[in-house]
Structure formats: structure tokens, C-alpha cells
Amino acid sequence: MNGPTQATALADLQAIRAFAVLTLDGRKWLLPQAEIQALESLLDIDHEVRIPRSIGAVAFAGEWWPVYCLSGELRLLSEPPDSRRACPLLDNGADRFGLVCDQVEALTAAPRLLAPPACMAPPNSPIRALALLGDELGCVTTTEHLAALIAAALENADG
């Protein structure tokens, strides 16, 4: 991302007032709260209902939502680490899936967002911005960019 495209994307994210922090292996990933439809327990995952590379599915709103497990570096995992406790169901209107996380929390105030450096923002990167969270740094992404990352991982696994 660079130039006007990066500035537009950052401005769009800065307009969002409510974010949730999803913790994966100690790393903090921020998503717009509006994209989280429900928060499920890992006990709700049916491990018999699977699509390729998912760890199972959750029944929600009359549908099966595939559930994926990503590492803190956003690599697709076949089994969730023992630290995982929650499964937010993400929906942006086009993509619907669950993501097992160590922790999910709502931010009480909109974070200060910064443009990522060029080394963190190649065109296929899910990192859309960086967020200052007290003395920590979080990465901002969206359901759309996580879905694209998962799709690319599935495509690479098949080919």
C-alpha cells in the first residue's frame, strides 16, 4: 500500500470508532467491532463439520460458519494452541467465518492509528494500519483482509 491508496485506507479506518482486540499468541490484532457477529465458545465448534483447512464449524443464524485457527503471525494452523479460549464469528457482508483466539476484548476508546511502514504493507498484507494500545502496538486488519489471507493459504496448499 502506498500513496493515495494508503492514505484513503487509513482515513477509512480512522473513521471507525469501535474496535475489538483479538489476541493470537500474544499478538494484538484489531478489527472493527461491527464485523463481529457473535462470540462463541470453543465448545460450540463441531469438529466433524469441516471444509479444507478449517478446524470445524459453528452453527449460527441457520448456517454453518467455518472456523479457522491462525498463529500470531497469521499462518494457518491445523490445531488450536491450548491458549485459545474464544471464537468470534466475523462477517463483513461478503465473508463469514470464525477465528479461534486467545482473548477478545472491546476497546473503550478509538485507538490512535498510524500508517504501517512499507516493509509491513506489501499489497497482500492483512496489516492495514498500526494502533497504539498504551505501551503496546497492535495491527489493524479487517474481515475482508483475513478472508483473503485464508483464501491465499488454501490456494497455496492446493497448488
C-alpha atoms as a PDB file:
ATOM      1  CA  MET A   1       0.000   0.000   0.000  1.00  0.00           C
ATOM      2  CA  ASN A   2       1.391   3.376  -0.834  1.00  0.00           C
ATOM      3  CA  GLY A   3       0.472   6.931  -1.761  1.00  0.00           C
ATOM      4  CA  PRO A   4      -3.189   7.910  -2.035  1.00  0.00           C
ATOM      5  CA  THR A   5      -4.430   4.327  -1.609  1.00  0.00           C
ATOM      6  CA  GLN A   6      -2.725   4.007   1.771  1.00  0.00           C
ATOM      7  CA  ALA A   7      -3.972   7.422   2.877  1.00  0.00           C
ATOM      8  CA  THR A   8      -7.554   6.567   1.848  1.00  0.00           C
ATOM      9  CA  ALA A   9      -7.434   3.197   3.612  1.00  0.00           C
ATOM     10  CA  LEU A  10      -6.058   4.799   6.773  1.00  0.00           C
ATOM     11  CA  ALA A  11      -8.720   7.537   6.685  1.00  0.00           C
ATOM     12  CA  ASP A  12     -11.449   4.888   6.316  1.00  0.00           C
ATOM     13  CA  LEU A  13     -10.114   3.009   9.342  1.00  0.00           C
ATOM     14  CA  GLN A  14      -9.761   6.214  11.370  1.00  0.00           C
ATOM     15  CA  ALA A  15     -13.473   6.856  10.809  1.00  0.00           C
ATOM     16  CA  ILE A  16     -14.292   3.627  12.685  1.00  0.00           C
ATOM     17  CA  ARG A  17     -14.975   4.371  16.333  1.00  0.00           C
ATOM     18  CA  ALA A  18     -15.298   0.861  17.788  1.00  0.00           C
ATOM     19  CA  PHE A  19     -12.616  -1.802  17.521  1.00  0.00           C
ATOM     20  CA  ALA A  20     -12.168  -5.188  19.128  1.00  0.00           C
ATOM     21  CA  VAL A  21      -8.770  -6.616  20.018  1.00  0.00           C
ATOM     22  CA  LEU A  22      -8.234 -10.249  19.100  1.00  0.00           C
ATOM     23  CA  THR A  23      -5.176 -11.744  20.779  1.00  0.00           C
ATOM     24  CA  LEU A  24      -3.377 -14.531  18.907  1.00  0.00           C
ATOM     25  CA  ASP A  25      -0.258 -15.966  20.562  1.00  0.00           C
ATOM     26  CA  GLY A  26       0.180 -12.714  22.492  1.00  0.00           C
ATOM     27  CA  ARG A  27      -0.078 -10.546  19.385  1.00  0.00           C
ATOM     28  CA  LYS A  28      -2.873  -7.998  19.233  1.00  0.00           C
ATOM     29  CA  TRP A  29      -4.985  -7.719  16.071  1.00  0.00           C
ATOM     30  CA  LEU A  30      -7.688  -5.046  15.878  1.00  0.00           C
ATOM     31  CA  LEU A  31     -10.852  -5.476  13.825  1.00  0.00           C
ATOM     32  CA  PRO A  32     -13.914  -3.243  13.527  1.00  0.00           C
ATOM     33  CA  GLN A  33     -16.389  -4.345  16.215  1.00  0.00           C
ATOM     34  CA  ALA A  34     -19.220  -4.153  13.670  1.00  0.00           C
ATOM     35  CA  GLU A  35     -17.676  -7.139  11.855  1.00  0.00           C
ATOM     36  CA  ILE A  36     -18.026  -9.402  14.911  1.00  0.00           C
ATOM     37  CA  GLN A  37     -21.460 -11.009  14.833  1.00  0.00           C
ATOM     38  CA  ALA A  38     -21.129 -13.281  17.862  1.00  0.00           C
ATOM     39  CA  LEU A  39     -18.631 -14.606  20.343  1.00  0.00           C
ATOM     40  CA  GLU A  40     -18.743 -18.383  20.690  1.00  0.00           C
ATOM     41  CA  SER A  41     -17.036 -20.841  22.988  1.00  0.00           C
ATOM     42  CA  LEU A  42     -14.586 -23.363  21.564  1.00  0.00           C
ATOM     43  CA  LEU A  43     -17.013 -25.974  22.910  1.00  0.00           C
ATOM     44  CA  ASP A  44     -19.510 -24.805  20.256  1.00  0.00           C
ATOM     45  CA  ILE A  45     -17.213 -25.862  17.398  1.00  0.00           C
ATOM     46  CA  ASP A  46     -18.349 -29.043  15.648  1.00  0.00           C
ATOM     47  CA  HIS A  47     -15.112 -30.680  14.541  1.00  0.00           C
ATOM     48  CA  GLU A  48     -16.992 -33.087  12.253  1.00  0.00           C
ATOM     49  CA  VAL A  49     -18.298 -30.274  10.023  1.00  0.00           C
ATOM     50  CA  ARG A  50     -15.209 -29.153   8.141  1.00  0.00           C
ATOM     51  CA  ILE A  51     -14.122 -27.542   4.958  1.00  0.00           C
ATOM     52  CA  PRO A  52     -10.479 -27.750   3.838  1.00  0.00           C
ATOM     53  CA  ARG A  53      -8.003 -26.366   6.419  1.00  0.00           C
ATOM     54  CA  SER A  54     -10.743 -25.375   8.876  1.00  0.00           C
ATOM     55  CA  ILE A  55     -10.777 -26.856  12.366  1.00  0.00           C
ATOM     56  CA  GLY A  56     -14.562 -27.296  12.256  1.00  0.00           C
ATOM     57  CA  ALA A  57     -17.661 -25.134  12.067  1.00  0.00           C
ATOM     58  CA  VAL A  58     -20.138 -23.325  14.311  1.00  0.00           C
ATOM     59  CA  ALA A  59     -23.879 -23.296  13.712  1.00  0.00           C
ATOM     60  CA  PHE A  60     -25.088 -19.687  13.809  1.00  0.00           C
ATOM     61  CA  ALA A  61     -28.072 -17.891  12.246  1.00  0.00           C
ATOM     62  CA  GLY A  62     -29.181 -21.053  10.453  1.00  0.00           C
ATOM     63  CA  GLU A  63     -25.816 -21.639   8.747  1.00  0.00           C
ATOM     64  CA  TRP A  64     -22.545 -23.417   9.356  1.00  0.00           C
ATOM     65  CA  TRP A  65     -19.675 -20.940   9.707  1.00  0.00           C
ATOM     66  CA  PRO A  66     -16.236 -22.463   9.071  1.00  0.00           C
ATOM     67  CA  VAL A  67     -13.750 -21.878  11.881  1.00  0.00           C
ATOM     68  CA  TYR A  68     -10.053 -21.268  11.276  1.00  0.00           C
ATOM     69  CA  CYS A  69      -7.062 -21.072  13.540  1.00  0.00           C
ATOM     70  CA  LEU A  70      -4.274 -18.597  12.796  1.00  0.00           C
ATOM     71  CA  SER A  71      -0.971 -18.105  14.569  1.00  0.00           C
ATOM     72  CA  GLY A  72       0.053 -14.685  15.847  1.00  0.00           C
ATOM     73  CA  GLU A  73       1.883 -14.236  12.511  1.00  0.00           C
ATOM     74  CA  LEU A  74      -1.383 -15.183  10.729  1.00  0.00           C
ATOM     75  CA  ARG A  75      -0.237 -18.588   9.498  1.00  0.00           C
ATOM     76  CA  LEU A  76      -2.994 -21.167   9.161  1.00  0.00           C
ATOM     77  CA  LEU A  77      -2.803 -23.805  11.917  1.00  0.00           C
ATOM     78  CA  SER A  78      -4.438 -27.232  11.842  1.00  0.00           C
ATOM     79  CA  GLU A  79      -4.979 -27.355  15.625  1.00  0.00           C
ATOM     80  CA  PRO A  80      -5.633 -24.545  18.089  1.00  0.00           C
ATOM     81  CA  PRO A  81      -3.000 -23.965  20.782  1.00  0.00           C
ATOM     82  CA  ASP A  82      -4.105 -24.617  24.375  1.00  0.00           C
ATOM     83  CA  SER A  83      -4.199 -20.853  24.995  1.00  0.00           C
ATOM     84  CA  ARG A  84      -7.212 -20.349  22.721  1.00  0.00           C
ATOM     85  CA  ARG A  85     -10.451 -19.595  24.562  1.00  0.00           C
ATOM     86  CA  ALA A  86     -12.862 -17.722  22.278  1.00  0.00           C
ATOM     87  CA  CYS A  87     -14.232 -17.842  18.768  1.00  0.00           C
ATOM     88  CA  PRO A  88     -15.560 -14.594  17.325  1.00  0.00           C
ATOM     89  CA  LEU A  89     -17.745 -15.049  14.255  1.00  0.00           C
ATOM     90  CA  LEU A  90     -16.686 -12.491  11.657  1.00  0.00           C
ATOM     91  CA  ASP A  91     -19.000 -11.174   8.944  1.00  0.00           C
ATOM     92  CA  ASN A  92     -18.416  -8.230   6.633  1.00  0.00           C
ATOM     93  CA  GLY A  93     -21.366  -8.951   4.352  1.00  0.00           C
ATOM     94  CA  ALA A  94     -19.262 -10.996   1.907  1.00  0.00           C
ATOM     95  CA  ASP A  95     -17.137 -13.239   4.131  1.00  0.00           C
ATOM     96  CA  ARG A  96     -18.336 -15.283   7.119  1.00  0.00           C
ATOM     97  CA  PHE A  97     -16.114 -17.398   9.329  1.00  0.00           C
ATOM     98  CA  GLY A  98     -14.971 -17.982  12.885  1.00  0.00           C
ATOM     99  CA  LEU A  99     -11.465 -17.397  14.179  1.00  0.00           C
ATOM    100  CA  VAL A 100     -10.213 -19.024  17.386  1.00  0.00           C
ATOM    101  CA  CYS A 101      -8.434 -16.514  19.625  1.00  0.00           C
ATOM    102  CA  ASP A 102      -6.711 -16.431  22.982  1.00  0.00           C
ATOM    103  CA  GLN A 103      -8.832 -13.468  24.012  1.00  0.00           C
ATOM    104  CA  VAL A 104     -11.303 -10.982  22.542  1.00  0.00           C
ATOM    105  CA  GLU A 105     -11.943  -7.606  24.123  1.00  0.00           C
ATOM    106  CA  ALA A 106     -13.706  -4.424  23.116  1.00  0.00           C
ATOM    107  CA  LEU A 107     -11.747  -1.185  23.218  1.00  0.00           C
ATOM    108  CA  THR A 108     -13.406   1.518  25.263  1.00  0.00           C
ATOM    109  CA  ALA A 109     -11.973   4.303  23.090  1.00  0.00           C
ATOM    110  CA  ALA A 110     -10.899   4.532  19.472  1.00  0.00           C
ATOM    111  CA  PRO A 111      -7.152   3.937  19.240  1.00  0.00           C
ATOM    112  CA  ARG A 112      -4.693   6.228  17.501  1.00  0.00           C
ATOM    113  CA  LEU A 113      -3.996   4.646  14.119  1.00  0.00           C
ATOM    114  CA  LEU A 114      -0.780   5.016  12.177  1.00  0.00           C
ATOM    115  CA  ALA A 115       0.143   4.057   8.634  1.00  0.00           C
ATOM    116  CA  PRO A 116       2.303   0.934   8.609  1.00  0.00           C
ATOM    117  CA  PRO A 117       5.850   1.226   7.264  1.00  0.00           C
ATOM    118  CA  ALA A 118       6.340  -0.024   3.705  1.00  0.00           C
ATOM    119  CA  CYS A 119       8.020  -3.237   4.897  1.00  0.00           C
ATOM    120  CA  MET A 120       4.803  -4.190   6.742  1.00  0.00           C
ATOM    121  CA  ALA A 121       2.410  -3.250   3.973  1.00  0.00           C
ATOM    122  CA  PRO A 122       3.075  -5.122   0.748  1.00  0.00           C
ATOM    123  CA  PRO A 123      -0.079  -5.343  -1.429  1.00  0.00           C
ATOM    124  CA  ASN A 124      -1.185  -8.713   0.007  1.00  0.00           C
ATOM    125  CA  SER A 125      -0.552  -7.838   3.664  1.00  0.00           C
ATOM    126  CA  PRO A 126      -3.508  -8.055   6.042  1.00  0.00           C
ATOM    127  CA  ILE A 127      -1.998  -5.164   8.045  1.00  0.00           C
ATOM    128  CA  ARG A 128      -3.977  -2.042   7.169  1.00  0.00           C
ATOM    129  CA  ALA A 129      -2.726   0.177  10.000  1.00  0.00           C
ATOM    130  CA  LEU A 130      -0.935   0.097  13.338  1.00  0.00           C
ATOM    131  CA  ALA A 131      -2.618   1.045  16.599  1.00  0.00           C
ATOM    132  CA  LEU A 132      -1.127   2.426  19.768  1.00  0.00           C
ATOM    133  CA  LEU A 133      -2.532   0.470  22.712  1.00  0.00           C
ATOM    134  CA  GLY A 134      -0.968   2.052  25.756  1.00  0.00           C
ATOM    135  CA  ASP A 135       2.620   0.861  25.670  1.00  0.00           C
ATOM    136  CA  GLU A 136       1.882  -1.830  23.076  1.00  0.00           C
ATOM    137  CA  LEU A 137       1.447  -1.832  19.335  1.00  0.00           C
ATOM    138  CA  GLY A 138      -1.380  -3.675  17.602  1.00  0.00           C
ATOM    139  CA  CYS A 139      -2.031  -4.412  13.952  1.00  0.00           C
ATOM    140  CA  VAL A 140      -5.316  -3.321  12.405  1.00  0.00           C
ATOM    141  CA  THR A 141      -6.974  -5.550   9.827  1.00  0.00           C
ATOM    142  CA  THR A 142     -10.457  -6.355   8.563  1.00  0.00           C
ATOM    143  CA  THR A 143     -12.510  -9.476   7.927  1.00  0.00           C
ATOM    144  CA  GLU A 144     -12.005  -8.913   4.191  1.00  0.00           C
ATOM    145  CA  HIS A 145      -8.224  -8.996   4.524  1.00  0.00           C
ATOM    146  CA  LEU A 146      -8.258 -12.015   6.847  1.00  0.00           C
ATOM    147  CA  ALA A 147     -10.538 -13.846   4.385  1.00  0.00           C
ATOM    148  CA  ALA A 148      -8.131 -13.033   1.539  1.00  0.00           C
ATOM    149  CA  LEU A 149      -5.215 -14.318   3.612  1.00  0.00           C
ATOM    150  CA  ILE A 150      -7.055 -17.573   4.383  1.00  0.00           C
ATOM    151  CA  ALA A 151      -8.087 -17.978   0.730  1.00  0.00           C
ATOM    152  CA  ALA A 152      -4.474 -17.497  -0.379  1.00  0.00           C
ATOM    153  CA  ALA A 153      -3.300 -20.090   2.168  1.00  0.00           C
ATOM    154  CA  LEU A 154      -5.923 -22.548   0.895  1.00  0.00           C
ATOM    155  CA  GLU A 155      -4.908 -21.895  -2.709  1.00  0.00           C
ATOM    156  CA  ASN A 156      -1.208 -22.400  -1.902  1.00  0.00           C
ATOM    157  CA  ALA A 157      -2.000 -25.636  -0.051  1.00  0.00           C
ATOM    158  CA  ASP A 158      -3.920 -26.964  -3.071  1.00  0.00           C
ATOM    159  CA  GLY A 159      -1.343 -25.942  -5.667  1.00  0.00           C
END
